[in-house]
Amino acid sequence: MTGYPIRRVPWTCRWGRFGTAIEDLGSTSKIDETFWACHNPARGPDVRVTNRAECEHCADWQIAPRLRPQPEIW
């Protein structure tokens, strides 16, 4: 099986979260925008919107727990 390196992007980071901005149209709604935010507590209590390129150079980037190798259970 071929393994691939994990890229330093918001969706592979422990602190990355996905969000959407929704426009209320009365009886319906429409997704206006999608974005990534950094939830690293070292950056303070506020959510900070990030762009993909920031993660490539971020000193606080950590691999998301769901992507870490899991031990084999027999």
PDB file of N, CA and C in Angstrom:
ATOM      1  N   MET A   1       0.840  -1.174   0.000  1.00  0.00           N
ATOM      2  CA  MET A   1       0.000   0.000   0.000  1.00  0.00           C
ATOM      3  C   MET A   1       0.891   1.245   0.000  1.00  0.00           C
ATOM      4  N   THR A   2       0.566   2.203  -0.836  1.00  0.00           N
ATOM      5  CA  THR A   2       1.351   3.427  -0.944  1.00  0.00           C
ATOM      6  C   THR A   2       0.876   4.443   0.078  1.00  0.00           C
ATOM      7  N   GLY A   3       1.806   4.961   0.865  1.00  0.00           N
ATOM      8  CA  GLY A   3       1.470   6.009   1.814  1.00  0.00           C
ATOM      9  C   GLY A   3       1.769   7.372   1.210  1.00  0.00           C
ATOM     10  N   TYR A   4       1.036   8.355   1.627  1.00  0.00           N
ATOM     11  CA  TYR A   4       1.236   9.707   1.135  1.00  0.00           C
ATOM     12  C   TYR A   4       1.563  10.618   2.312  1.00  0.00           C
ATOM     13  N   PRO A   5       2.428  11.596   2.096  1.00  0.00           N
ATOM     14  CA  PRO A   5       2.725  12.526   3.188  1.00  0.00           C
ATOM     15  C   PRO A   5       1.496  13.375   3.508  1.00  0.00           C
ATOM     16  N   ILE A   6       1.352  13.727   4.760  1.00  0.00           N
ATOM     17  CA  ILE A   6       0.233  14.563   5.171  1.00  0.00           C
ATOM     18  C   ILE A   6       0.599  16.016   4.935  1.00  0.00           C
ATOM     19  N   ARG A   7      -0.231  16.698   4.186  1.00  0.00           N
ATOM     20  CA  ARG A   7       0.023  18.105   3.871  1.00  0.00           C
ATOM     21  C   ARG A   7      -0.362  18.993   5.048  1.00  0.00           C
ATOM     22  N   ARG A   8       0.336  20.096   5.178  1.00  0.00           N
ATOM     23  CA  ARG A   8       0.066  21.057   6.247  1.00  0.00           C
ATOM     24  C   ARG A   8      -1.006  22.035   5.764  1.00  0.00           C
ATOM     25  N   VAL A   9      -2.250  21.621   5.868  1.00  0.00           N
ATOM     26  CA  VAL A   9      -3.395  22.413   5.451  1.00  0.00           C
ATOM     27  C   VAL A   9      -4.434  22.381   6.577  1.00  0.00           C
ATOM     28  N   PRO A  10      -5.427  23.270   6.568  1.00  0.00           N
ATOM     29  CA  PRO A  10      -6.375  23.328   7.684  1.00  0.00           C
ATOM     30  C   PRO A  10      -7.098  22.019   7.977  1.00  0.00           C
ATOM     31  N   TRP A  11      -7.440  21.245   6.950  1.00  0.00           N
ATOM     32  CA  TRP A  11      -8.218  20.026   7.184  1.00  0.00           C
ATOM     33  C   TRP A  11      -7.383  18.868   7.714  1.00  0.00           C
ATOM     34  N   THR A  12      -6.073  19.020   7.795  1.00  0.00           N
ATOM     35  CA  THR A  12      -5.251  17.983   8.421  1.00  0.00           C
ATOM     36  C   THR A  12      -4.695  18.442   9.766  1.00  0.00           C
ATOM     37  N   CYS A  13      -5.013  19.653  10.181  1.00  0.00           N
ATOM     38  CA  CYS A  13      -4.493  20.202  11.432  1.00  0.00           C
ATOM     39  C   CYS A  13      -5.439  19.932  12.596  1.00  0.00           C
ATOM     40  N   ARG A  14      -4.856  19.679  13.743  1.00  0.00           N
ATOM     41  CA  ARG A  14      -5.635  19.463  14.963  1.00  0.00           C
ATOM     42  C   ARG A  14      -6.536  20.663  15.270  1.00  0.00           C
ATOM     43  N   TRP A  15      -6.096  21.862  14.941  1.00  0.00           N
ATOM     44  CA  TRP A  15      -6.816  23.078  15.315  1.00  0.00           C
ATOM     45  C   TRP A  15      -7.765  23.592  14.238  1.00  0.00           C
ATOM     46  N   GLY A  16      -7.723  23.033  13.041  1.00  0.00           N
ATOM     47  CA  GLY A  16      -8.545  23.536  11.946  1.00  0.00           C
ATOM     48  C   GLY A  16     -10.013  23.165  12.087  1.00  0.00           C
ATOM     49  N   ARG A  17     -10.889  24.113  11.822  1.00  0.00           N
ATOM     50  CA  ARG A  17     -12.332  23.880  11.832  1.00  0.00           C
ATOM     51  C   ARG A  17     -12.933  24.514  10.583  1.00  0.00           C
ATOM     52  N   PHE A  18     -13.969  23.885  10.066  1.00  0.00           N
ATOM     53  CA  PHE A  18     -14.659  24.320   8.860  1.00  0.00           C
ATOM     54  C   PHE A  18     -15.920  25.074   9.261  1.00  0.00           C
ATOM     55  N   GLY A  19     -16.253  26.121   8.533  1.00  0.00           N
ATOM     56  CA  GLY A  19     -17.472  26.857   8.835  1.00  0.00           C
ATOM     57  C   GLY A  19     -18.109  27.401   7.571  1.00  0.00           C
ATOM     58  N   THR A  20     -19.338  27.843   7.707  1.00  0.00           N
ATOM     59  CA  THR A  20     -20.049  28.447   6.587  1.00  0.00           C
ATOM     60  C   THR A  20     -20.771  29.703   7.058  1.00  0.00           C
ATOM     61  N   ALA A  21     -20.924  30.637   6.165  1.00  0.00           N
ATOM     62  CA  ALA A  21     -21.754  31.812   6.398  1.00  0.00           C
ATOM     63  C   ALA A  21     -23.034  31.598   5.611  1.00  0.00           C
ATOM     64  N   ILE A  22     -24.162  31.757   6.271  1.00  0.00           N
ATOM     65  CA  ILE A  22     -25.454  31.477   5.638  1.00  0.00           C
ATOM     66  C   ILE A  22     -26.281  32.754   5.561  1.00  0.00           C
ATOM     67  N   GLU A  23     -26.825  32.996   4.379  1.00  0.00           N
ATOM     68  CA  GLU A  23     -27.702  34.151   4.171  1.00  0.00           C
ATOM     69  C   GLU A  23     -29.146  33.721   4.416  1.00  0.00           C
ATOM     70  N   ASP A  24     -29.836  34.434   5.283  1.00  0.00           N
ATOM     71  CA  ASP A  24     -31.234  34.138   5.583  1.00  0.00           C
ATOM     72  C   ASP A  24     -32.112  34.814   4.540  1.00  0.00           C
ATOM     73  N   LEU A  25     -32.872  34.027   3.791  1.00  0.00           N
ATOM     74  CA  LEU A  25     -33.749  34.548   2.738  1.00  0.00           C
ATOM     75  C   LEU A  25     -35.218  34.417   3.118  1.00  0.00           C
ATOM     76  N   GLY A  26     -35.500  34.489   4.406  1.00  0.00           N
ATOM     77  CA  GLY A  26     -36.886  34.367   4.876  1.00  0.00           C
ATOM     78  C   GLY A  26     -37.259  32.917   5.077  1.00  0.00           C
ATOM     79  N   SER A  27     -37.974  32.347   4.115  1.00  0.00           N
ATOM     80  CA  SER A  27     -38.426  30.958   4.248  1.00  0.00           C
ATOM     81  C   SER A  27     -37.349  29.948   3.853  1.00  0.00           C
ATOM     82  N   THR A  28     -36.235  30.420   3.334  1.00  0.00           N
ATOM     83  CA  THR A  28     -35.143  29.546   2.933  1.00  0.00           C
ATOM     84  C   THR A  28     -33.815  30.222   3.277  1.00  0.00           C
ATOM     85  N   SER A  29     -32.730  29.542   3.031  1.00  0.00           N
ATOM     86  CA  SER A  29     -31.412  30.129   3.274  1.00  0.00           C
ATOM     87  C   SER A  29     -30.452  29.686   2.181  1.00  0.00           C
ATOM     88  N   LYS A  30     -29.355  30.399   2.069  1.00  0.00           N
ATOM     89  CA  LYS A  30     -28.371  30.105   1.035  1.00  0.00           C
ATOM     90  C   LYS A  30     -26.974  30.203   1.645  1.00  0.00           C
ATOM     91  N   ILE A  31     -26.113  29.236   1.327  1.00  0.00           N
ATOM     92  CA  ILE A  31     -24.739  29.293   1.800  1.00  0.00           C
ATOM     93  C   ILE A  31     -23.994  30.335   0.993  1.00  0.00           C
ATOM     94  N   ASP A  32     -23.484  31.357   1.680  1.00  0.00           N
ATOM     95  CA  ASP A  32     -22.766  32.438   1.022  1.00  0.00           C
ATOM     96  C   ASP A  32     -21.284  32.145   0.877  1.00  0.00           C
ATOM     97  N   GLU A  33     -20.693  31.586   1.909  1.00  0.00           N
ATOM     98  CA  GLU A  33     -19.243  31.459   1.947  1.00  0.00           C
ATOM     99  C   GLU A  33     -18.857  30.285   2.835  1.00  0.00           C
ATOM    100  N   THR A  34     -17.765  29.650   2.500  1.00  0.00           N
ATOM    101  CA  THR A  34     -17.184  28.632   3.366  1.00  0.00           C
ATOM    102  C   THR A  34     -15.799  29.115   3.779  1.00  0.00           C
ATOM    103  N   PHE A  35     -15.361  28.702   4.958  1.00  0.00           N
ATOM    104  CA  PHE A  35     -14.083  29.184   5.454  1.00  0.00           C
ATOM    105  C   PHE A  35     -13.472  28.182   6.432  1.00  0.00           C
ATOM    106  N   TRP A  36     -12.201  28.370   6.714  1.00  0.00           N
ATOM    107  CA  TRP A  36     -11.473  27.599   7.727  1.00  0.00           C
ATOM    108  C   TRP A  36     -11.094  28.530   8.849  1.00  0.00           C
ATOM    109  N   ALA A  37     -11.130  28.025  10.059  1.00  0.00           N
ATOM    110  CA  ALA A  37     -10.760  28.817  11.222  1.00  0.00           C
ATOM    111  C   ALA A  37      -9.772  28.033  12.078  1.00  0.00           C
ATOM    112  N   CYS A  38      -8.911  28.764  12.767  1.00  0.00           N
ATOM    113  CA  CYS A  38      -7.936  28.156  13.664  1.00  0.00           C
ATOM    114  C   CYS A  38      -8.455  28.256  15.092  1.00  0.00           C
ATOM    115  N   HIS A  39      -8.565  27.116  15.771  1.00  0.00           N
ATOM    116  CA  HIS A  39      -9.071  27.066  17.140  1.00  0.00           C
ATOM    117  C   HIS A  39      -7.960  26.776  18.143  1.00  0.00           C
ATOM    118  N   ASN A  40      -6.732  27.080  17.804  1.00  0.00           N
ATOM    119  CA  ASN A  40      -5.611  26.838  18.705  1.00  0.00           C
ATOM    120  C   ASN A  40      -5.752  27.744  19.924  1.00  0.00           C
ATOM    121  N   PRO A  41      -5.817  27.181  21.141  1.00  0.00           N
ATOM    122  CA  PRO A  41      -5.992  28.008  22.331  1.00  0.00           C
ATOM    123  C   PRO A  41      -4.821  28.956  22.588  1.00  0.00           C
ATOM    124  N   ALA A  42      -3.654  28.670  22.044  1.00  0.00           N
ATOM    125  CA  ALA A  42      -2.500  29.557  22.214  1.00  0.00           C
ATOM    126  C   ALA A  42      -2.709  30.885  21.486  1.00  0.00           C
ATOM    127  N   ARG A  43      -3.611  30.916  20.534  1.00  0.00           N
ATOM    128  CA  ARG A  43      -3.883  32.147  19.773  1.00  0.00           C
ATOM    129  C   ARG A  43      -4.948  33.006  20.428  1.00  0.00           C
ATOM    130  N   GLY A  44      -5.448  32.589  21.580  1.00  0.00           N
ATOM    131  CA  GLY A  44      -6.455  33.360  22.305  1.00  0.00           C
ATOM    132  C   GLY A  44      -7.831  32.746  22.179  1.00  0.00           C
ATOM    133  N   PRO A  45      -8.800  33.331  22.886  1.00  0.00           N
ATOM    134  CA  PRO A  45     -10.147  32.748  22.919  1.00  0.00           C
ATOM    135  C   PRO A  45     -10.955  32.970  21.649  1.00  0.00           C
ATOM    136  N   ASP A  46     -10.549  33.925  20.825  1.00  0.00           N
ATOM    137  CA  ASP A  46     -11.317  34.227  19.619  1.00  0.00           C
ATOM    138  C   ASP A  46     -10.970  33.277  18.481  1.00  0.00           C
ATOM    139  N   VAL A  47     -11.962  32.969  17.675  1.00  0.00           N
ATOM    140  CA  VAL A  47     -11.754  32.158  16.476  1.00  0.00           C
ATOM    141  C   VAL A  47     -11.101  33.045  15.430  1.00  0.00           C
ATOM    142  N   ARG A  48     -10.075  32.523  14.766  1.00  0.00           N
ATOM    143  CA  ARG A  48      -9.362  33.304  13.761  1.00  0.00           C
ATOM    144  C   ARG A  48      -9.496  32.626  12.409  1.00  0.00           C
ATOM    145  N   VAL A  49     -10.094  33.319  11.449  1.00  0.00           N
ATOM    146  CA  VAL A  49     -10.245  32.782  10.096  1.00  0.00           C
ATOM    147  C   VAL A  49      -8.861  32.728   9.456  1.00  0.00           C
ATOM    148  N   THR A  50      -8.573  31.620   8.791  1.00  0.00           N
ATOM    149  CA  THR A  50      -7.263  31.427   8.180  1.00  0.00           C
ATOM    150  C   THR A  50      -7.408  31.090   6.706  1.00  0.00           C
ATOM    151  N   ASN A  51      -6.320  31.242   5.984  1.00  0.00           N
ATOM    152  CA  ASN A  51      -6.319  30.738   4.617  1.00  0.00           C
ATOM    153  C   ASN A  51      -5.373  29.543   4.558  1.00  0.00           C
ATOM    154  N   ARG A  52      -5.504  28.772   3.535  1.00  0.00           N
ATOM    155  CA  ARG A  52      -4.772  27.506   3.418  1.00  0.00           C
ATOM    156  C   ARG A  52      -3.256  27.683   3.513  1.00  0.00           C
ATOM    157  N   ALA A  53      -2.719  28.720   2.907  1.00  0.00           N
ATOM    158  CA  ALA A  53      -1.272  28.917   2.859  1.00  0.00           C
ATOM    159  C   ALA A  53      -0.664  29.179   4.243  1.00  0.00           C
ATOM    160  N   GLU A  54      -1.437  29.745   5.159  1.00  0.00           N
ATOM    161  CA  GLU A  54      -0.916  30.021   6.502  1.00  0.00           C
ATOM    162  C   GLU A  54      -0.458  28.756   7.211  1.00  0.00           C
ATOM    163  N   CYS A  55      -1.141  27.649   7.004  1.00  0.00           N
ATOM    164  CA  CYS A  55      -0.828  26.400   7.694  1.00  0.00           C
ATOM    165  C   CYS A  55       0.527  25.824   7.284  1.00  0.00           C
ATOM    166  N   GLU A  56       0.944  26.108   6.073  1.00  0.00           N
ATOM    167  CA  GLU A  56       2.220  25.572   5.592  1.00  0.00           C
ATOM    168  C   GLU A  56       3.400  26.070   6.411  1.00  0.00           C
ATOM    169  N   HIS A  57       3.275  27.252   7.001  1.00  0.00           N
ATOM    170  CA  HIS A  57       4.379  27.856   7.741  1.00  0.00           C
ATOM    171  C   HIS A  57       4.078  28.038   9.226  1.00  0.00           C
ATOM    172  N   CYS A  58       2.949  27.551   9.700  1.00  0.00           N
ATOM    173  CA  CYS A  58       2.539  27.749  11.086  1.00  0.00           C
ATOM    174  C   CYS A  58       3.344  26.846  12.029  1.00  0.00           C
ATOM    175  N   ALA A  59       3.930  27.452  13.038  1.00  0.00           N
ATOM    176  CA  ALA A  59       4.706  26.689  14.026  1.00  0.00           C
ATOM    177  C   ALA A  59       3.808  25.859  14.938  1.00  0.00           C
ATOM    178  N   ASP A  60       2.516  26.201  15.020  1.00  0.00           N
ATOM    179  CA  ASP A  60       1.579  25.491  15.900  1.00  0.00           C
ATOM    180  C   ASP A  60       0.814  24.377  15.191  1.00  0.00           C
ATOM    181  N   TRP A  61       1.096  24.140  13.902  1.00  0.00           N
ATOM    182  CA  TRP A  61       0.385  23.095  13.167  1.00  0.00           C
ATOM    183  C   TRP A  61       0.686  21.738  13.797  1.00  0.00           C
ATOM    184  N   GLN A  62      -0.362  20.955  14.062  1.00  0.00           N
ATOM    185  CA  GLN A  62      -0.226  19.588  14.593  1.00  0.00           C
ATOM    186  C   GLN A  62      -1.140  18.680  13.796  1.00  0.00           C
ATOM    187  N   ILE A  63      -0.663  17.481  13.537  1.00  0.00           N
ATOM    188  CA  ILE A  63      -1.483  16.530  12.786  1.00  0.00           C
ATOM    189  C   ILE A  63      -2.765  16.221  13.562  1.00  0.00           C
ATOM    190  N   ALA A  64      -3.868  16.176  12.848  1.00  0.00           N
ATOM    191  CA  ALA A  64      -5.157  15.878  13.465  1.00  0.00           C
ATOM    192  C   ALA A  64      -5.146  14.463  14.034  1.00  0.00           C
ATOM    193  N   PRO A  65      -5.718  14.262  15.231  1.00  0.00           N
ATOM    194  CA  PRO A  65      -5.713  12.921  15.849  1.00  0.00           C
ATOM    195  C   PRO A  65      -6.294  11.836  14.948  1.00  0.00           C
ATOM    196  N   ARG A  66      -7.293  12.162  14.139  1.00  0.00           N
ATOM    197  CA  ARG A  66      -7.915  11.146  13.277  1.00  0.00           C
ATOM    198  C   ARG A  66      -6.977  10.661  12.185  1.00  0.00           C
ATOM    199  N   LEU A  67      -5.880  11.391  11.927  1.00  0.00           N
ATOM    200  CA  LEU A  67      -4.943  11.009  10.875  1.00  0.00           C
ATOM    201  C   LEU A  67      -3.708  10.294  11.413  1.00  0.00           C
ATOM    202  N   ARG A  68      -3.576  10.210  12.726  1.00  0.00           N
ATOM    203  CA  ARG A  68      -2.416   9.539  13.307  1.00  0.00           C
ATOM    204  C   ARG A  68      -2.539   8.035  13.098  1.00  0.00           C
ATOM    205  N   PRO A  69      -1.416   7.358  12.930  1.00  0.00           N
ATOM    206  CA  PRO A  69      -1.489   5.898  12.776  1.00  0.00           C
ATOM    207  C   PRO A  69      -2.119   5.253  14.008  1.00  0.00           C
ATOM    208  N   GLN A  70      -3.002   4.318  13.776  1.00  0.00           N
ATOM    209  CA  GLN A  70      -3.672   3.616  14.863  1.00  0.00           C
ATOM    210  C   GLN A  70      -3.007   2.254  15.063  1.00  0.00           C
ATOM    211  N   PRO A  71      -2.849   1.823  16.316  1.00  0.00           N
ATOM    212  CA  PRO A  71      -2.236   0.506  16.552  1.00  0.00           C
ATOM    213  C   PRO A  71      -3.141  -0.609  16.021  1.00  0.00           C
ATOM    214  N   GLU A  72      -2.505  -1.627  15.523  1.00  0.00           N
ATOM    215  CA  GLU A  72      -3.285  -2.779  15.037  1.00  0.00           C
ATOM    216  C   GLU A  72      -3.733  -3.622  16.213  1.00  0.00           C
ATOM    217  N   ILE A  73      -4.974  -4.063  16.172  1.00  0.00           N
ATOM    218  CA  ILE A  73      -5.530  -4.913  17.224  1.00  0.00           C
ATOM    219  C   ILE A  73      -5.830  -6.274  16.610  1.00  0.00           C
ATOM    220  N   TRP A  74      -5.293  -7.296  17.196  1.00  0.00           N
ATOM    221  CA  TRP A  74      -5.493  -8.649  16.679  1.00  0.00           C
ATOM    222  C   TRP A  74      -6.513  -9.380  17.480  1.00  0.00           C
TER     223      TRP A  74
END
